[in-house]
Amino acid sequence: MGRELLRGHMVDPEGKPLFELGHVVATPGALNSLQRAGQTPEEFLRRHVTGDWGQVPAEDKVENEFSVLNGYRILSSYHTTLEERIWVLTEADRSSTTLLLPGEY
């Protein structure tokens, strides 16, 4: 299948997507945060879809791996270069992925 567990998270050795993102959207707060940091949504989406879950607890990494294989919601958490937290959330049905700030959930 090309997927393996590596350093506590599921990754594709070739960096291929592990799941579909669906329609990608971002909240105004997330877009403002990324703009202030000089970063793009693609940077975080690429990490998310290839199994780099960011700064989530170990149990959440395990939950994400289970969710990829079984079709549940997937949540990653990252810090921008300005140390603002950004979440990336893919819905269980893979219809959409949202970039948002934790306070916007």
PDB file of N, CA and C in Angstrom:
ATOM      1  N   MET A   1       0.822  -1.192   0.000  1.00  0.00           N
ATOM      2  CA  MET A   1       0.000   0.000   0.000  1.00  0.00           C
ATOM      3  C   MET A   1       0.868   1.258   0.000  1.00  0.00           C
ATOM      4  N   GLY A   2       2.147   1.143   0.371  1.00  0.00           N
ATOM      5  CA  GLY A   2       3.030   2.286   0.313  1.00  0.00           C
ATOM      6  C   GLY A   2       3.001   3.171   1.540  1.00  0.00           C
ATOM      7  N   ARG A   3       2.221   2.829   2.540  1.00  0.00           N
ATOM      8  CA  ARG A   3       2.150   3.639   3.755  1.00  0.00           C
ATOM      9  C   ARG A   3       2.839   2.900   4.881  1.00  0.00           C
ATOM     10  N   GLU A   4       3.455   3.636   5.765  1.00  0.00           N
ATOM     11  CA  GLU A   4       4.118   3.018   6.897  1.00  0.00           C
ATOM     12  C   GLU A   4       4.085   3.959   8.086  1.00  0.00           C
ATOM     13  N   LEU A   5       4.295   3.394   9.271  1.00  0.00           N
ATOM     14  CA  LEU A   5       4.427   4.217  10.459  1.00  0.00           C
ATOM     15  C   LEU A   5       5.882   4.629  10.579  1.00  0.00           C
ATOM     16  N   LEU A   6       6.104   5.893  10.792  1.00  0.00           N
ATOM     17  CA  LEU A   6       7.457   6.414  10.877  1.00  0.00           C
ATOM     18  C   LEU A   6       7.483   7.539  11.894  1.00  0.00           C
ATOM     19  N   ARG A   7       8.289   7.382  12.938  1.00  0.00           N
ATOM     20  CA  ARG A   7       8.416   8.403  13.984  1.00  0.00           C
ATOM     21  C   ARG A   7       7.071   8.825  14.542  1.00  0.00           C
ATOM     22  N   GLY A   8       6.187   7.866  14.781  1.00  0.00           N
ATOM     23  CA  GLY A   8       4.927   8.163  15.450  1.00  0.00           C
ATOM     24  C   GLY A   8       3.818   8.678  14.574  1.00  0.00           C
ATOM     25  N   HIS A   9       4.022   8.731  13.268  1.00  0.00           N
ATOM     26  CA  HIS A   9       2.901   9.109  12.420  1.00  0.00           C
ATOM     27  C   HIS A   9       2.974   8.381  11.090  1.00  0.00           C
ATOM     28  N   MET A  10       1.811   8.251  10.482  1.00  0.00           N
ATOM     29  CA  MET A  10       1.697   7.560   9.211  1.00  0.00           C
ATOM     30  C   MET A  10       2.192   8.496   8.119  1.00  0.00           C
ATOM     31  N   VAL A  11       3.074   7.995   7.281  1.00  0.00           N
ATOM     32  CA  VAL A  11       3.548   8.797   6.154  1.00  0.00           C
ATOM     33  C   VAL A  11       3.640   7.928   4.917  1.00  0.00           C
ATOM     34  N   ASP A  12       3.545   8.541   3.780  1.00  0.00           N
ATOM     35  CA  ASP A  12       3.837   7.864   2.532  1.00  0.00           C
ATOM     36  C   ASP A  12       5.295   8.163   2.229  1.00  0.00           C
ATOM     37  N   PRO A  13       6.125   7.130   2.017  1.00  0.00           N
ATOM     38  CA  PRO A  13       7.556   7.375   1.796  1.00  0.00           C
ATOM     39  C   PRO A  13       7.848   8.280   0.612  1.00  0.00           C
ATOM     40  N   GLU A  14       6.931   8.378  -0.332  1.00  0.00           N
ATOM     41  CA  GLU A  14       7.132   9.235  -1.499  1.00  0.00           C
ATOM     42  C   GLU A  14       6.435  10.585  -1.356  1.00  0.00           C
ATOM     43  N   GLY A  15       5.832  10.847  -0.193  1.00  0.00           N
ATOM     44  CA  GLY A  15       5.160  12.119   0.035  1.00  0.00           C
ATOM     45  C   GLY A  15       3.832  12.250  -0.681  1.00  0.00           C
ATOM     46  N   LYS A  16       3.229  11.127  -1.060  1.00  0.00           N
ATOM     47  CA  LYS A  16       1.936  11.155  -1.740  1.00  0.00           C
ATOM     48  C   LYS A  16       0.811  11.349  -0.726  1.00  0.00           C
ATOM     49  N   PRO A  17      -0.286  11.947  -1.145  1.00  0.00           N
ATOM     50  CA  PRO A  17      -1.423  12.146  -0.231  1.00  0.00           C
ATOM     51  C   PRO A  17      -1.963  10.823   0.304  1.00  0.00           C
ATOM     52  N   LEU A  18      -2.328  10.843   1.585  1.00  0.00           N
ATOM     53  CA  LEU A  18      -2.899   9.665   2.233  1.00  0.00           C
ATOM     54  C   LEU A  18      -4.414   9.635   2.136  1.00  0.00           C
ATOM     55  N   PHE A  19      -5.021  10.778   1.790  1.00  0.00           N
ATOM     56  CA  PHE A  19      -6.477  10.885   1.718  1.00  0.00           C
ATOM     57  C   PHE A  19      -6.821  12.106   0.878  1.00  0.00           C
ATOM     58  N   GLU A  20      -8.092  12.206   0.501  1.00  0.00           N
ATOM     59  CA  GLU A  20      -8.587  13.343  -0.278  1.00  0.00           C
ATOM     60  C   GLU A  20      -8.889  14.511   0.654  1.00  0.00           C
ATOM     61  N   LEU A  21      -8.591  15.720   0.216  1.00  0.00           N
ATOM     62  CA  LEU A  21      -8.886  16.918   0.999  1.00  0.00           C
ATOM     63  C   LEU A  21     -10.287  17.444   0.735  1.00  0.00           C
ATOM     64  N   GLY A  22     -10.853  17.123  -0.417  1.00  0.00           N
ATOM     65  CA  GLY A  22     -12.144  17.687  -0.782  1.00  0.00           C
ATOM     66  C   GLY A  22     -12.002  19.173  -1.082  1.00  0.00           C
ATOM     67  N   HIS A  23     -13.083  19.906  -0.862  1.00  0.00           N
ATOM     68  CA  HIS A  23     -13.098  21.357  -1.082  1.00  0.00           C
ATOM     69  C   HIS A  23     -12.318  22.025   0.050  1.00  0.00           C
ATOM     70  N   VAL A  24     -11.287  22.785  -0.254  1.00  0.00           N
ATOM     71  CA  VAL A  24     -10.451  23.430   0.755  1.00  0.00           C
ATOM     72  C   VAL A  24     -10.936  24.851   0.996  1.00  0.00           C
ATOM     73  N   VAL A  25     -11.176  25.179   2.262  1.00  0.00           N
ATOM     74  CA  VAL A  25     -11.599  26.514   2.667  1.00  0.00           C
ATOM     75  C   VAL A  25     -10.763  26.961   3.858  1.00  0.00           C
ATOM     76  N   ALA A  26     -10.775  28.245   4.123  1.00  0.00           N
ATOM     77  CA  ALA A  26     -10.058  28.796   5.272  1.00  0.00           C
ATOM     78  C   ALA A  26     -10.876  29.930   5.871  1.00  0.00           C
ATOM     79  N   THR A  27     -10.812  30.046   7.175  1.00  0.00           N
ATOM     80  CA  THR A  27     -11.517  31.129   7.854  1.00  0.00           C
ATOM     81  C   THR A  27     -10.723  32.428   7.678  1.00  0.00           C
ATOM     82  N   PRO A  28     -11.385  33.570   7.820  1.00  0.00           N
ATOM     83  CA  PRO A  28     -10.664  34.843   7.742  1.00  0.00           C
ATOM     84  C   PRO A  28      -9.531  34.929   8.771  1.00  0.00           C
ATOM     85  N   GLY A  29      -9.758  34.420   9.964  1.00  0.00           N
ATOM     86  CA  GLY A  29      -8.717  34.457  10.993  1.00  0.00           C
ATOM     87  C   GLY A  29      -7.487  33.666  10.593  1.00  0.00           C
ATOM     88  N   ALA A  30      -7.699  32.481  10.026  1.00  0.00           N
ATOM     89  CA  ALA A  30      -6.571  31.662   9.579  1.00  0.00           C
ATOM     90  C   ALA A  30      -5.825  32.351   8.441  1.00  0.00           C
ATOM     91  N   LEU A  31      -6.562  32.907   7.495  1.00  0.00           N
ATOM     92  CA  LEU A  31      -5.918  33.614   6.377  1.00  0.00           C
ATOM     93  C   LEU A  31      -5.113  34.805   6.868  1.00  0.00           C
ATOM     94  N   ASN A  32      -5.657  35.557   7.809  1.00  0.00           N
ATOM     95  CA  ASN A  32      -4.921  36.706   8.373  1.00  0.00           C
ATOM     96  C   ASN A  32      -3.661  36.253   9.096  1.00  0.00           C
ATOM     97  N   SER A  33      -3.769  35.183   9.854  1.00  0.00           N
ATOM     98  CA  SER A  33      -2.617  34.652  10.572  1.00  0.00           C
ATOM     99  C   SER A  33      -1.513  34.223   9.601  1.00  0.00           C
ATOM    100  N   LEU A  34      -1.904  33.516   8.553  1.00  0.00           N
ATOM    101  CA  LEU A  34      -0.928  33.077   7.558  1.00  0.00           C
ATOM    102  C   LEU A  34      -0.293  34.262   6.839  1.00  0.00           C
ATOM    103  N   GLN A  35      -1.098  35.269   6.528  1.00  0.00           N
ATOM    104  CA  GLN A  35      -0.562  36.456   5.852  1.00  0.00           C
ATOM    105  C   GLN A  35       0.457  37.166   6.741  1.00  0.00           C
ATOM    106  N   ARG A  36       0.138  37.336   8.019  1.00  0.00           N
ATOM    107  CA  ARG A  36       1.078  37.982   8.956  1.00  0.00           C
ATOM    108  C   ARG A  36       2.397  37.215   9.037  1.00  0.00           C
ATOM    109  N   ALA A  37       2.307  35.873   8.959  1.00  0.00           N
ATOM    110  CA  ALA A  37       3.499  35.030   9.075  1.00  0.00           C
ATOM    111  C   ALA A  37       4.242  34.878   7.753  1.00  0.00           C
ATOM    112  N   GLY A  38       3.644  35.350   6.660  1.00  0.00           N
ATOM    113  CA  GLY A  38       4.268  35.190   5.353  1.00  0.00           C
ATOM    114  C   GLY A  38       4.259  33.745   4.880  1.00  0.00           C
ATOM    115  N   GLN A  39       3.234  33.012   5.261  1.00  0.00           N
ATOM    116  CA  GLN A  39       3.119  31.599   4.890  1.00  0.00           C
ATOM    117  C   GLN A  39       1.851  31.381   4.069  1.00  0.00           C
ATOM    118  N   THR A  40       1.792  30.214   3.423  1.00  0.00           N
ATOM    119  CA  THR A  40       0.650  29.904   2.572  1.00  0.00           C
ATOM    120  C   THR A  40      -0.121  28.707   3.116  1.00  0.00           C
ATOM    121  N   PRO A  41      -1.393  28.598   2.783  1.00  0.00           N
ATOM    122  CA  PRO A  41      -2.169  27.419   3.185  1.00  0.00           C
ATOM    123  C   PRO A  41      -1.555  26.124   2.653  1.00  0.00           C
ATOM    124  N   GLU A  42      -0.998  26.158   1.449  1.00  0.00           N
ATOM    125  CA  GLU A  42      -0.443  24.952   0.831  1.00  0.00           C
ATOM    126  C   GLU A  42       0.624  24.286   1.693  1.00  0.00           C
ATOM    127  N   GLU A  43       1.415  25.089   2.380  1.00  0.00           N
ATOM    128  CA  GLU A  43       2.459  24.543   3.247  1.00  0.00           C
ATOM    129  C   GLU A  43       1.864  23.618   4.304  1.00  0.00           C
ATOM    130  N   PHE A  44       0.787  24.040   4.920  1.00  0.00           N
ATOM    131  CA  PHE A  44       0.154  23.274   5.985  1.00  0.00           C
ATOM    132  C   PHE A  44      -0.707  22.144   5.428  1.00  0.00           C
ATOM    133  N   LEU A  45      -1.356  22.374   4.298  1.00  0.00           N
ATOM    134  CA  LEU A  45      -2.151  21.324   3.664  1.00  0.00           C
ATOM    135  C   LEU A  45      -1.270  20.160   3.230  1.00  0.00           C
ATOM    136  N   ARG A  46      -0.098  20.455   2.700  1.00  0.00           N
ATOM    137  CA  ARG A  46       0.832  19.411   2.264  1.00  0.00           C
ATOM    138  C   ARG A  46       1.258  18.550   3.455  1.00  0.00           C
ATOM    139  N   ARG A  47       1.571  19.171   4.569  1.00  0.00           N
ATOM    140  CA  ARG A  47       1.955  18.420   5.759  1.00  0.00           C
ATOM    141  C   ARG A  47       0.795  17.543   6.237  1.00  0.00           C
ATOM    142  N   HIS A  48      -0.388  18.126   6.287  1.00  0.00           N
ATOM    143  CA  HIS A  48      -1.584  17.439   6.768  1.00  0.00           C
ATOM    144  C   HIS A  48      -1.893  16.198   5.919  1.00  0.00           C
ATOM    145  N   VAL A  49      -1.957  16.364   4.614  1.00  0.00           N
ATOM    146  CA  VAL A  49      -2.390  15.288   3.726  1.00  0.00           C
ATOM    147  C   VAL A  49      -1.344  14.174   3.591  1.00  0.00           C
ATOM    148  N   THR A  50      -0.099  14.445   3.958  1.00  0.00           N
ATOM    149  CA  THR A  50       0.941  13.410   3.884  1.00  0.00           C
ATOM    150  C   THR A  50       1.227  12.767   5.233  1.00  0.00           C
ATOM    151  N   GLY A  51       0.439  13.116   6.257  1.00  0.00           N
ATOM    152  CA  GLY A  51       0.555  12.424   7.539  1.00  0.00           C
ATOM    153  C   GLY A  51       1.427  13.080   8.583  1.00  0.00           C
ATOM    154  N   ASP A  52       1.853  14.312   8.356  1.00  0.00           N
ATOM    155  CA  ASP A  52       2.568  15.076   9.391  1.00  0.00           C
ATOM    156  C   ASP A  52       1.494  15.858  10.134  1.00  0.00           C
ATOM    157  N   TRP A  53       1.096  15.351  11.287  1.00  0.00           N
ATOM    158  CA  TRP A  53      -0.027  15.927  12.025  1.00  0.00           C
ATOM    159  C   TRP A  53       0.363  17.151  12.836  1.00  0.00           C
ATOM    160  N   GLY A  54       1.631  17.516  12.853  1.00  0.00           N
ATOM    161  CA  GLY A  54       2.052  18.713  13.574  1.00  0.00           C
ATOM    162  C   GLY A  54       2.147  18.500  15.069  1.00  0.00           C
ATOM    163  N   GLN A  55       1.737  19.518  15.815  1.00  0.00           N
ATOM    164  CA  GLN A  55       1.861  19.513  17.267  1.00  0.00           C
ATOM    165  C   GLN A  55       0.580  19.026  17.934  1.00  0.00           C
ATOM    166  N   VAL A  56       0.289  17.738  17.749  1.00  0.00           N
ATOM    167  CA  VAL A  56      -0.837  17.122  18.450  1.00  0.00           C
ATOM    168  C   VAL A  56      -0.269  16.063  19.383  1.00  0.00           C
ATOM    169  N   PRO A  57      -0.969  15.774  20.481  1.00  0.00           N
ATOM    170  CA  PRO A  57      -0.498  14.729  21.398  1.00  0.00           C
ATOM    171  C   PRO A  57      -0.402  13.367  20.700  1.00  0.00           C
ATOM    172  N   ALA A  58       0.410  12.493  21.257  1.00  0.00           N
ATOM    173  CA  ALA A  58       0.629  11.164  20.676  1.00  0.00           C
ATOM    174  C   ALA A  58      -0.672  10.415  20.453  1.00  0.00           C
ATOM    175  N   GLU A  59      -1.602  10.518  21.390  1.00  0.00           N
ATOM    176  CA  GLU A  59      -2.878   9.794  21.237  1.00  0.00           C
ATOM    177  C   GLU A  59      -3.690  10.350  20.062  1.00  0.00           C
ATOM    178  N   ASP A  60      -3.559  11.639  19.781  1.00  0.00           N
ATOM    179  CA  ASP A  60      -4.255  12.219  18.632  1.00  0.00           C
ATOM    180  C   ASP A  60      -3.613  11.781  17.312  1.00  0.00           C
ATOM    181  N   LYS A  61      -2.309  11.572  17.314  1.00  0.00           N
ATOM    182  CA  LYS A  61      -1.640  11.051  16.121  1.00  0.00           C
ATOM    183  C   LYS A  61      -2.160   9.647  15.807  1.00  0.00           C
ATOM    184  N   VAL A  62      -2.283   8.836  16.848  1.00  0.00           N
ATOM    185  CA  VAL A  62      -2.819   7.482  16.675  1.00  0.00           C
ATOM    186  C   VAL A  62      -4.259   7.554  16.171  1.00  0.00           C
ATOM    187  N   GLU A  63      -5.042   8.464  16.732  1.00  0.00           N
ATOM    188  CA  GLU A  63      -6.433   8.641  16.297  1.00  0.00           C
ATOM    189  C   GLU A  63      -6.496   9.068  14.827  1.00  0.00           C
ATOM    190  N   ASN A  64      -5.595   9.962  14.409  1.00  0.00           N
ATOM    191  CA  ASN A  64      -5.561  10.389  13.010  1.00  0.00           C
ATOM    192  C   ASN A  64      -5.234   9.219  12.080  1.00  0.00           C
ATOM    193  N   GLU A  65      -4.281   8.387  12.484  1.00  0.00           N
ATOM    194  CA  GLU A  65      -3.928   7.222  11.680  1.00  0.00           C
ATOM    195  C   GLU A  65      -5.138   6.302  11.520  1.00  0.00           C
ATOM    196  N   PHE A  66      -5.853   6.060  12.615  1.00  0.00           N
ATOM    197  CA  PHE A  66      -7.066   5.250  12.582  1.00  0.00           C
ATOM    198  C   PHE A  66      -8.101   5.896  11.667  1.00  0.00           C
ATOM    199  N   SER A  67      -8.212   7.214  11.761  1.00  0.00           N
ATOM    200  CA  SER A  67      -9.198   7.953  10.969  1.00  0.00           C
ATOM    201  C   SER A  67      -8.896   7.898   9.479  1.00  0.00           C
ATOM    202  N   VAL A  68      -7.625   7.948   9.113  1.00  0.00           N
ATOM    203  CA  VAL A  68      -7.248   7.836   7.701  1.00  0.00           C
ATOM    204  C   VAL A  68      -7.700   6.492   7.153  1.00  0.00           C
ATOM    205  N   LEU A  69      -7.450   5.443   7.906  1.00  0.00           N
ATOM    206  CA  LEU A  69      -7.758   4.093   7.441  1.00  0.00           C
ATOM    207  C   LEU A  69      -9.243   3.763   7.487  1.00  0.00           C
ATOM    208  N   ASN A  70      -9.990   4.444   8.365  1.00  0.00           N
ATOM    209  CA  ASN A  70     -11.390   4.080   8.599  1.00  0.00           C
ATOM    210  C   ASN A  70     -12.405   5.164   8.254  1.00  0.00           C
ATOM    211  N   GLY A  71     -11.953   6.261   7.689  1.00  0.00           N
ATOM    212  CA  GLY A  71     -12.873   7.281   7.211  1.00  0.00           C
ATOM    213  C   GLY A  71     -13.496   8.154   8.282  1.00  0.00           C
ATOM    214  N   TYR A  72     -12.706   8.602   9.244  1.00  0.00           N
ATOM    215  CA  TYR A  72     -13.182   9.542  10.256  1.00  0.00           C
ATOM    216  C   TYR A  72     -12.491  10.896  10.065  1.00  0.00           C
ATOM    217  N   ARG A  73     -12.917  11.879  10.843  1.00  0.00           N
ATOM    218  CA  ARG A  73     -12.363  13.229  10.759  1.00  0.00           C
ATOM    219  C   ARG A  73     -10.894  13.238  11.176  1.00  0.00           C
ATOM    220  N   ILE A  74     -10.099  14.085  10.517  1.00  0.00           N
ATOM    221  CA  ILE A  74      -8.661  14.179  10.757  1.00  0.00           C
ATOM    222  C   ILE A  74      -8.327  15.614  11.142  1.00  0.00           C
ATOM    223  N   LEU A  75      -7.600  15.780  12.257  1.00  0.00           N
ATOM    224  CA  LEU A  75      -7.234  17.110  12.740  1.00  0.00           C
ATOM    225  C   LEU A  75      -5.732  17.206  12.945  1.00  0.00           C
ATOM    226  N   SER A  76      -5.129  18.196  12.322  1.00  0.00           N
ATOM    227  CA  SER A  76      -3.720  18.510  12.519  1.00  0.00           C
ATOM    228  C   SER A  76      -3.614  19.889  13.147  1.00  0.00           C
ATOM    229  N   SER A  77      -2.517  20.129  13.839  1.00  0.00           N
ATOM    230  CA  SER A  77      -2.289  21.411  14.500  1.00  0.00           C
ATOM    231  C   SER A  77      -0.852  21.848  14.256  1.00  0.00           C
ATOM    232  N   TYR A  78      -0.693  23.075  13.811  1.00  0.00           N
ATOM    233  CA  TYR A  78       0.632  23.596  13.474  1.00  0.00           C
ATOM    234  C   TYR A  78       0.817  24.987  14.068  1.00  0.00           C
ATOM    235  N   HIS A  79       2.065  25.426  14.124  1.00  0.00           N
ATOM    236  CA  HIS A  79       2.390  26.792  14.512  1.00  0.00           C
ATOM    237  C   HIS A  79       2.944  27.526  13.300  1.00  0.00           C
ATOM    238  N   THR A  80       2.515  28.755  13.130  1.00  0.00           N
ATOM    239  CA  THR A  80       3.108  29.591  12.084  1.00  0.00           C
ATOM    240  C   THR A  80       4.471  30.060  12.565  1.00  0.00           C
ATOM    241  N   THR A  81       5.188  30.755  11.691  1.00  0.00           N
ATOM    242  CA  THR A  81       6.495  31.289  12.077  1.00  0.00           C
ATOM    243  C   THR A  81       6.378  32.325  13.189  1.00  0.00           C
ATOM    244  N   LEU A  82       5.169  32.870  13.384  1.00  0.00           N
ATOM    245  CA  LEU A  82       4.924  33.819  14.472  1.00  0.00           C
ATOM    246  C   LEU A  82       4.328  33.135  15.707  1.00  0.00           C
ATOM    247  N   GLU A  83       4.382  31.794  15.709  1.00  0.00           N
ATOM    248  CA  GLU A  83       3.910  30.972  16.826  1.00  0.00           C
ATOM    249  C   GLU A  83       2.402  31.026  17.048  1.00  0.00           C
ATOM    250  N   GLU A  84       1.648  31.380  16.029  1.00  0.00           N
ATOM    251  CA  GLU A  84       0.195  31.302  16.111  1.00  0.00           C
ATOM    252  C   GLU A  84      -0.222  29.903  15.682  1.00  0.00           C
ATOM    253  N   ARG A  85      -1.176  29.326  16.403  1.00  0.00           N
ATOM    254  CA  ARG A  85      -1.632  27.973  16.105  1.00  0.00           C
ATOM    255  C   ARG A  85      -2.675  27.995  14.986  1.00  0.00           C
ATOM    256  N   ILE A  86      -2.497  27.066  14.045  1.00  0.00           N
ATOM    257  CA  ILE A  86      -3.427  26.865  12.926  1.00  0.00           C
ATOM    258  C   ILE A  86      -3.869  25.404  12.958  1.00  0.00           C
ATOM    259  N   TRP A  87      -5.159  25.188  12.847  1.00  0.00           N
ATOM    260  CA  TRP A  87      -5.677  23.830  12.726  1.00  0.00           C
ATOM    261  C   TRP A  87      -6.036  23.555  11.280  1.00  0.00           C
ATOM    262  N   VAL A  88      -5.859  22.305  10.866  1.00  0.00           N
ATOM    263  CA  VAL A  88      -6.323  21.830   9.564  1.00  0.00           C
ATOM    264  C   VAL A  88      -7.224  20.633   9.851  1.00  0.00           C
ATOM    265  N   LEU A  89      -8.469  20.728   9.408  1.00  0.00           N
ATOM    266  CA  LEU A  89      -9.488  19.729   9.734  1.00  0.00           C
ATOM    267  C   LEU A  89     -10.120  19.188   8.457  1.00  0.00           C
ATOM    268  N   THR A  90      -9.983  17.891   8.238  1.00  0.00           N
ATOM    269  CA  THR A  90     -10.624  17.229   7.102  1.00  0.00           C
ATOM    270  C   THR A  90     -11.817  16.438   7.619  1.00  0.00           C
ATOM    271  N   GLU A  91     -12.956  16.660   7.001  1.00  0.00           N
ATOM    272  CA  GLU A  91     -14.190  15.991   7.423  1.00  0.00           C
ATOM    273  C   GLU A  91     -14.145  14.497   7.113  1.00  0.00           C
ATOM    274  N   ALA A  92     -14.921  13.746   7.857  1.00  0.00           N
ATOM    275  CA  ALA A  92     -14.936  12.289   7.736  1.00  0.00           C
ATOM    276  C   ALA A  92     -15.268  11.822   6.326  1.00  0.00           C
ATOM    277  N   ASP A  93     -16.179  12.509   5.658  1.00  0.00           N
ATOM    278  CA  ASP A  93     -16.572  12.094   4.313  1.00  0.00           C
ATOM    279  C   ASP A  93     -15.619  12.612   3.233  1.00  0.00           C
ATOM    280  N   ARG A  94     -14.555  13.308   3.669  1.00  0.00           N
ATOM    281  CA  ARG A  94     -13.518  13.866   2.786  1.00  0.00           C
ATOM    282  C   ARG A  94     -14.075  14.880   1.798  1.00  0.00           C
ATOM    283  N   SER A  95     -15.227  15.472   2.138  1.00  0.00           N
ATOM    284  CA  SER A  95     -15.833  16.471   1.256  1.00  0.00           C
ATOM    285  C   SER A  95     -15.157  17.826   1.374  1.00  0.00           C
ATOM    286  N   SER A  96     -14.544  18.091   2.535  1.00  0.00           N
ATOM    287  CA  SER A  96     -13.907  19.395   2.716  1.00  0.00           C
ATOM    288  C   SER A  96     -12.815  19.345   3.761  1.00  0.00           C
ATOM    289  N   THR A  97     -11.912  20.311   3.637  1.00  0.00           N
ATOM    290  CA  THR A  97     -10.837  20.534   4.597  1.00  0.00           C
ATOM    291  C   THR A  97     -10.831  22.016   4.915  1.00  0.00           C
ATOM    292  N   THR A  98     -10.737  22.337   6.189  1.00  0.00           N
ATOM    293  CA  THR A  98     -10.784  23.730   6.647  1.00  0.00           C
ATOM    294  C   THR A  98      -9.518  24.090   7.409  1.00  0.00           C
ATOM    295  N   LEU A  99      -8.935  25.236   7.079  1.00  0.00           N
ATOM    296  CA  LEU A  99      -7.873  25.822   7.886  1.00  0.00           C
ATOM    297  C   LEU A  99      -8.544  26.846   8.786  1.00  0.00           C
ATOM    298  N   LEU A 100      -8.282  26.771  10.079  1.00  0.00           N
ATOM    299  CA  LEU A 100      -8.922  27.664  11.028  1.00  0.00           C
ATOM    300  C   LEU A 100      -8.049  27.867  12.254  1.00  0.00           C
ATOM    301  N   LEU A 101      -8.366  28.887  13.027  1.00  0.00           N
ATOM    302  CA  LEU A 101      -7.739  29.094  14.315  1.00  0.00           C
ATOM    303  C   LEU A 101      -8.512  28.308  15.358  1.00  0.00           C
ATOM    304  N   PRO A 102      -7.845  27.798  16.404  1.00  0.00           N
ATOM    305  CA  PRO A 102      -8.583  27.027  17.414  1.00  0.00           C
ATOM    306  C   PRO A 102      -9.787  27.767  17.991  1.00  0.00           C
ATOM    307  N   GLY A 103      -9.690  29.076  18.175  1.00  0.00           N
ATOM    308  CA  GLY A 103     -10.788  29.851  18.718  1.00  0.00           C
ATOM    309  C   GLY A 103     -11.974  29.986  17.787  1.00  0.00           C
ATOM    310  N   GLU A 104     -11.789  29.598  16.521  1.00  0.00           N
ATOM    311  CA  GLU A 104     -12.861  29.673  15.542  1.00  0.00           C
ATOM    312  C   GLU A 104     -13.632  28.365  15.413  1.00  0.00           C
ATOM    313  N   TYR A 105     -13.241  27.354  16.161  1.00  0.00           N
ATOM    314  CA  TYR A 105     -13.893  26.042  16.051  1.00  0.00           C
ATOM    315  C   TYR A 105     -15.276  26.072  16.623  1.00  0.00           C
TER     316      TYR A 105
END
